[in-house]
Amino acid sequence: MTFGQTFMSVLWAALGVQSSKARERDFTKGKPSHFILLGIGFTLAFVLIIAGVVKLVLHLAGL
């Protein structure tokens, strides 16, 4: 699998809308280490973005 395919699989899986065809492809052709690393990276980016948005909103609210 290419990096783009793996990234999109992680993204769709995180959103809960991955098709069964893509899931089957992931389990037959994908490497677990790639999914683990991208999953950790996606989770870290998500948490940092949410924390940044909260910090921005609190700053704009004057708190």
PDB file of N, CA and C in Angstrom:
ATOM      1  N   MET A   1       0.832  -1.178   0.000  1.00  0.00           N
ATOM      2  CA  MET A   1       0.000   0.000   0.000  1.00  0.00           C
ATOM      3  C   MET A   1       0.879   1.245   0.000  1.00  0.00           C
ATOM      4  N   THR A   2       0.404   2.284  -0.654  1.00  0.00           N
ATOM      5  CA  THR A   2       1.144   3.541  -0.678  1.00  0.00           C
ATOM      6  C   THR A   2       0.875   4.313   0.609  1.00  0.00           C
ATOM      7  N   PHE A   3       1.689   5.340   0.828  1.00  0.00           N
ATOM      8  CA  PHE A   3       1.506   6.187   2.011  1.00  0.00           C
ATOM      9  C   PHE A   3       0.129   6.845   1.984  1.00  0.00           C
ATOM     10  N   GLY A   4      -0.280   7.317   0.822  1.00  0.00           N
ATOM     11  CA  GLY A   4      -1.580   7.975   0.700  1.00  0.00           C
ATOM     12  C   GLY A   4      -2.736   7.046   1.023  1.00  0.00           C
ATOM     13  N   GLN A   5      -2.668   5.813   0.545  1.00  0.00           N
ATOM     14  CA  GLN A   5      -3.724   4.843   0.839  1.00  0.00           C
ATOM     15  C   GLN A   5      -3.781   4.535   2.327  1.00  0.00           C
ATOM     16  N   THR A   6      -2.614   4.375   2.936  1.00  0.00           N
ATOM     17  CA  THR A   6      -2.564   4.085   4.363  1.00  0.00           C
ATOM     18  C   THR A   6      -3.088   5.267   5.168  1.00  0.00           C
ATOM     19  N   PHE A   7      -2.688   6.476   4.788  1.00  0.00           N
ATOM     20  CA  PHE A   7      -3.151   7.675   5.482  1.00  0.00           C
ATOM     21  C   PHE A   7      -4.662   7.822   5.384  1.00  0.00           C
ATOM     22  N   MET A   8      -5.211   7.623   4.191  1.00  0.00           N
ATOM     23  CA  MET A   8      -6.654   7.746   4.018  1.00  0.00           C
ATOM     24  C   MET A   8      -7.394   6.660   4.795  1.00  0.00           C
ATOM     25  N   SER A   9      -6.839   5.469   4.865  1.00  0.00           N
ATOM     26  CA  SER A   9      -7.457   4.400   5.647  1.00  0.00           C
ATOM     27  C   SER A   9      -7.504   4.769   7.124  1.00  0.00           C
ATOM     28  N   VAL A  10      -6.416   5.334   7.633  1.00  0.00           N
ATOM     29  CA  VAL A  10      -6.381   5.755   9.039  1.00  0.00           C
ATOM     30  C   VAL A  10      -7.387   6.876   9.266  1.00  0.00           C
ATOM     31  N   LEU A  11      -7.455   7.829   8.354  1.00  0.00           N
ATOM     32  CA  LEU A  11      -8.393   8.947   8.480  1.00  0.00           C
ATOM     33  C   LEU A  11      -9.839   8.462   8.483  1.00  0.00           C
ATOM     34  N   TRP A  12     -10.203   7.636   7.502  1.00  0.00           N
ATOM     35  CA  TRP A  12     -11.577   7.145   7.423  1.00  0.00           C
ATOM     36  C   TRP A  12     -11.916   6.253   8.611  1.00  0.00           C
ATOM     37  N   ALA A  13     -10.963   5.452   9.059  1.00  0.00           N
ATOM     38  CA  ALA A  13     -11.199   4.598  10.222  1.00  0.00           C
ATOM     39  C   ALA A  13     -11.403   5.445  11.479  1.00  0.00           C
ATOM     40  N   ALA A  14     -10.652   6.526  11.615  1.00  0.00           N
ATOM     41  CA  ALA A  14     -10.811   7.408  12.774  1.00  0.00           C
ATOM     42  C   ALA A  14     -12.179   8.077  12.762  1.00  0.00           C
ATOM     43  N   LEU A  15     -12.694   8.362  11.578  1.00  0.00           N
ATOM     44  CA  LEU A  15     -14.015   8.982  11.459  1.00  0.00           C
ATOM     45  C   LEU A  15     -15.136   7.951  11.506  1.00  0.00           C
ATOM     46  N   GLY A  16     -14.786   6.684  11.393  1.00  0.00           N
ATOM     47  CA  GLY A  16     -15.764   5.610  11.487  1.00  0.00           C
ATOM     48  C   GLY A  16     -16.556   5.358  10.219  1.00  0.00           C
ATOM     49  N   VAL A  17     -15.997   5.722   9.067  1.00  0.00           N
ATOM     50  CA  VAL A  17     -16.733   5.567   7.805  1.00  0.00           C
ATOM     51  C   VAL A  17     -15.966   4.741   6.772  1.00  0.00           C
ATOM     52  N   GLN A  18     -15.071   3.907   7.206  1.00  0.00           N
ATOM     53  CA  GLN A  18     -14.280   3.105   6.280  1.00  0.00           C
ATOM     54  C   GLN A  18     -15.124   1.973   5.692  1.00  0.00           C
ATOM     55  N   SER A  19     -14.994   1.765   4.388  1.00  0.00           N
ATOM     56  CA  SER A  19     -15.761   0.704   3.731  1.00  0.00           C
ATOM     57  C   SER A  19     -15.165  -0.664   4.051  1.00  0.00           C
ATOM     58  N   SER A  20     -15.993  -1.684   3.906  1.00  0.00           N
ATOM     59  CA  SER A  20     -15.509  -3.047   4.186  1.00  0.00           C
ATOM     60  C   SER A  20     -14.464  -3.470   3.156  1.00  0.00           C
ATOM     61  N   LYS A  21     -14.598  -2.976   1.930  1.00  0.00           N
ATOM     62  CA  LYS A  21     -13.614  -3.300   0.889  1.00  0.00           C
ATOM     63  C   LYS A  21     -12.237  -2.734   1.259  1.00  0.00           C
ATOM     64  N   ALA A  22     -12.216  -1.476   1.731  1.00  0.00           N
ATOM     65  CA  ALA A  22     -10.952  -0.859   2.135  1.00  0.00           C
ATOM     66  C   ALA A  22     -10.373  -1.553   3.360  1.00  0.00           C
ATOM     67  N   ARG A  23     -11.235  -1.952   4.292  1.00  0.00           N
ATOM     68  CA  ARG A  23     -10.771  -2.646   5.489  1.00  0.00           C
ATOM     69  C   ARG A  23     -10.133  -3.980   5.127  1.00  0.00           C
ATOM     70  N   GLU A  24     -10.748  -4.709   4.210  1.00  0.00           N
ATOM     71  CA  GLU A  24     -10.176  -5.984   3.762  1.00  0.00           C
ATOM     72  C   GLU A  24      -8.821  -5.768   3.093  1.00  0.00           C
ATOM     73  N   ARG A  25      -8.710  -4.713   2.278  1.00  0.00           N
ATOM     74  CA  ARG A  25      -7.438  -4.390   1.627  1.00  0.00           C
ATOM     75  C   ARG A  25      -6.375  -4.081   2.672  1.00  0.00           C
ATOM     76  N   ASP A  26      -6.753  -3.332   3.702  1.00  0.00           N
ATOM     77  CA  ASP A  26      -5.812  -2.974   4.761  1.00  0.00           C
ATOM     78  C   ASP A  26      -5.257  -4.209   5.456  1.00  0.00           C
ATOM     79  N   PHE A  27      -6.131  -5.171   5.764  1.00  0.00           N
ATOM     80  CA  PHE A  27      -5.695  -6.360   6.481  1.00  0.00           C
ATOM     81  C   PHE A  27      -4.885  -7.309   5.611  1.00  0.00           C
ATOM     82  N   THR A  28      -5.091  -7.272   4.288  1.00  0.00           N
ATOM     83  CA  THR A  28      -4.351  -8.199   3.429  1.00  0.00           C
ATOM     84  C   THR A  28      -3.056  -7.593   2.904  1.00  0.00           C
ATOM     85  N   LYS A  29      -3.035  -6.285   2.652  1.00  0.00           N
ATOM     86  CA  LYS A  29      -1.862  -5.681   2.019  1.00  0.00           C
ATOM     87  C   LYS A  29      -1.095  -4.702   2.895  1.00  0.00           C
ATOM     88  N   GLY A  30      -1.709  -4.227   3.965  1.00  0.00           N
ATOM     89  CA  GLY A  30      -1.064  -3.212   4.795  1.00  0.00           C
ATOM     90  C   GLY A  30      -0.137  -3.802   5.831  1.00  0.00           C
ATOM     91  N   LYS A  31       0.801  -2.977   6.281  1.00  0.00           N
ATOM     92  CA  LYS A  31       1.718  -3.374   7.348  1.00  0.00           C
ATOM     93  C   LYS A  31       1.228  -2.765   8.659  1.00  0.00           C
ATOM     94  N   PRO A  32       1.120  -3.577   9.702  1.00  0.00           N
ATOM     95  CA  PRO A  32       0.616  -3.066  10.979  1.00  0.00           C
ATOM     96  C   PRO A  32       1.423  -1.885  11.515  1.00  0.00           C
ATOM     97  N   SER A  33       2.731  -1.918  11.343  1.00  0.00           N
ATOM     98  CA  SER A  33       3.563  -0.836  11.871  1.00  0.00           C
ATOM     99  C   SER A  33       3.213   0.502  11.229  1.00  0.00           C
ATOM    100  N   HIS A  34       2.876   0.497   9.944  1.00  0.00           N
ATOM    101  CA  HIS A  34       2.499   1.744   9.269  1.00  0.00           C
ATOM    102  C   HIS A  34       1.198   2.300   9.843  1.00  0.00           C
ATOM    103  N   PHE A  35       0.246   1.414  10.085  1.00  0.00           N
ATOM    104  CA  PHE A  35      -1.034   1.859  10.642  1.00  0.00           C
ATOM    105  C   PHE A  35      -0.863   2.366  12.069  1.00  0.00           C
ATOM    106  N   ILE A  36      -0.021   1.704  12.837  1.00  0.00           N
ATOM    107  CA  ILE A  36       0.210   2.123  14.220  1.00  0.00           C
ATOM    108  C   ILE A  36       0.856   3.499  14.258  1.00  0.00           C
ATOM    109  N   LEU A  37       1.899   3.693  13.458  1.00  0.00           N
ATOM    110  CA  LEU A  37       2.589   4.983  13.449  1.00  0.00           C
ATOM    111  C   LEU A  37       1.680   6.111  12.962  1.00  0.00           C
ATOM    112  N   LEU A  38       0.939   5.868  11.888  1.00  0.00           N
ATOM    113  CA  LEU A  38       0.026   6.899  11.396  1.00  0.00           C
ATOM    114  C   LEU A  38      -1.108   7.145  12.378  1.00  0.00           C
ATOM    115  N   GLY A  39      -1.590   6.108  13.047  1.00  0.00           N
ATOM    116  CA  GLY A  39      -2.643   6.278  14.040  1.00  0.00           C
ATOM    117  C   GLY A  39      -2.184   7.126  15.215  1.00  0.00           C
ATOM    118  N   ILE A  40      -0.973   6.868  15.683  1.00  0.00           N
ATOM    119  CA  ILE A  40      -0.415   7.675  16.774  1.00  0.00           C
ATOM    120  C   ILE A  40      -0.220   9.115  16.324  1.00  0.00           C
ATOM    121  N   GLY A  41       0.309   9.295  15.124  1.00  0.00           N
ATOM    122  CA  GLY A  41       0.506  10.649  14.590  1.00  0.00           C
ATOM    123  C   GLY A  41      -0.805  11.393  14.419  1.00  0.00           C
ATOM    124  N   PHE A  42      -1.822  10.703  13.897  1.00  0.00           N
ATOM    125  CA  PHE A  42      -3.127  11.328  13.714  1.00  0.00           C
ATOM    126  C   PHE A  42      -3.724  11.730  15.063  1.00  0.00           C
ATOM    127  N   THR A  43      -3.623  10.845  16.048  1.00  0.00           N
ATOM    128  CA  THR A  43      -4.164  11.132  17.373  1.00  0.00           C
ATOM    129  C   THR A  43      -3.452  12.314  18.012  1.00  0.00           C
ATOM    130  N   LEU A  44      -2.145  12.355  17.906  1.00  0.00           N
ATOM    131  CA  LEU A  44      -1.371  13.463  18.455  1.00  0.00           C
ATOM    132  C   LEU A  44      -1.748  14.777  17.786  1.00  0.00           C
ATOM    133  N   ALA A  45      -1.849  14.779  16.457  1.00  0.00           N
ATOM    134  CA  ALA A  45      -2.238  15.993  15.725  1.00  0.00           C
ATOM    135  C   ALA A  45      -3.639  16.430  16.122  1.00  0.00           C
ATOM    136  N   PHE A  46      -4.562  15.494  16.260  1.00  0.00           N
ATOM    137  CA  PHE A  46      -5.938  15.814  16.648  1.00  0.00           C
ATOM    138  C   PHE A  46      -5.978  16.479  18.021  1.00  0.00           C
ATOM    139  N   VAL A  47      -5.274  15.909  18.984  1.00  0.00           N
ATOM    140  CA  VAL A  47      -5.250  16.450  20.344  1.00  0.00           C
ATOM    141  C   VAL A  47      -4.635  17.847  20.344  1.00  0.00           C
ATOM    142  N   LEU A  48      -3.544  18.036  19.617  1.00  0.00           N
ATOM    143  CA  LEU A  48      -2.900  19.353  19.570  1.00  0.00           C
ATOM    144  C   LEU A  48      -3.798  20.399  18.905  1.00  0.00           C
ATOM    145  N   ILE A  49      -4.507  20.026  17.872  1.00  0.00           N
ATOM    146  CA  ILE A  49      -5.423  20.959  17.209  1.00  0.00           C
ATOM    147  C   ILE A  49      -6.573  21.339  18.137  1.00  0.00           C
ATOM    148  N   ILE A  50      -7.158  20.367  18.816  1.00  0.00           N
ATOM    149  CA  ILE A  50      -8.248  20.656  19.753  1.00  0.00           C
ATOM    150  C   ILE A  50      -7.750  21.547  20.892  1.00  0.00           C
ATOM    151  N   ALA A  51      -6.575  21.264  21.431  1.00  0.00           N
ATOM    152  CA  ALA A  51      -6.016  22.089  22.501  1.00  0.00           C
ATOM    153  C   ALA A  51      -5.756  23.515  22.002  1.00  0.00           C
ATOM    154  N   GLY A  52      -5.267  23.650  20.779  1.00  0.00           N
ATOM    155  CA  GLY A  52      -5.032  24.973  20.210  1.00  0.00           C
ATOM    156  C   GLY A  52      -6.318  25.757  20.009  1.00  0.00           C
ATOM    157  N   VAL A  53      -7.370  25.088  19.546  1.00  0.00           N
ATOM    158  CA  VAL A  53      -8.663  25.759  19.353  1.00  0.00           C
ATOM    159  C   VAL A  53      -9.224  26.211  20.697  1.00  0.00           C
ATOM    160  N   VAL A  54      -9.148  25.356  21.714  1.00  0.00           N
ATOM    161  CA  VAL A  54      -9.632  25.724  23.043  1.00  0.00           C
ATOM    162  C   VAL A  54      -8.852  26.909  23.590  1.00  0.00           C
ATOM    163  N   LYS A  55      -7.546  26.886  23.430  1.00  0.00           N
ATOM    164  CA  LYS A  55      -6.702  27.982  23.908  1.00  0.00           C
ATOM    165  C   LYS A  55      -7.049  29.286  23.184  1.00  0.00           C
ATOM    166  N   LEU A  56      -7.281  29.210  21.891  1.00  0.00           N
ATOM    167  CA  LEU A  56      -7.648  30.392  21.098  1.00  0.00           C
ATOM    168  C   LEU A  56      -8.993  30.949  21.553  1.00  0.00           C
ATOM    169  N   VAL A  57      -9.981  30.081  21.752  1.00  0.00           N
ATOM    170  CA  VAL A  57     -11.307  30.521  22.188  1.00  0.00           C
ATOM    171  C   VAL A  57     -11.229  31.160  23.564  1.00  0.00           C
ATOM    172  N   LEU A  58     -10.490  30.555  24.469  1.00  0.00           N
ATOM    173  CA  LEU A  58     -10.343  31.145  25.805  1.00  0.00           C
ATOM    174  C   LEU A  58      -9.633  32.484  25.738  1.00  0.00           C
ATOM    175  N   HIS A  59      -8.649  32.610  24.880  1.00  0.00           N
ATOM    176  CA  HIS A  59      -7.934  33.879  24.714  1.00  0.00           C
ATOM    177  C   HIS A  59      -8.865  34.951  24.171  1.00  0.00           C
ATOM    178  N   LEU A  60      -9.657  34.609  23.171  1.00  0.00           N
ATOM    179  CA  LEU A  60     -10.585  35.563  22.575  1.00  0.00           C
ATOM    180  C   LEU A  60     -11.716  35.934  23.529  1.00  0.00           C
ATOM    181  N   ALA A  61     -12.050  35.037  24.450  1.00  0.00           N
ATOM    182  CA  ALA A  61     -13.088  35.317  25.440  1.00  0.00           C
ATOM    183  C   ALA A  61     -12.559  36.153  26.603  1.00  0.00           C
ATOM    184  N   GLY A  62     -11.250  36.348  26.645  1.00  0.00           N
ATOM    185  CA  GLY A  62     -10.648  37.163  27.691  1.00  0.00           C
ATOM    186  C   GLY A  62     -10.410  36.420  28.994  1.00  0.00           C
ATOM    187  N   LEU A  63     -10.357  35.107  28.931  1.00  0.00           N
ATOM    188  CA  LEU A  63     -10.131  34.332  30.142  1.00  0.00           C
ATOM    189  C   LEU A  63      -8.702  33.892  30.250  1.00  0.00           C
TER     190      LEU A  63
END
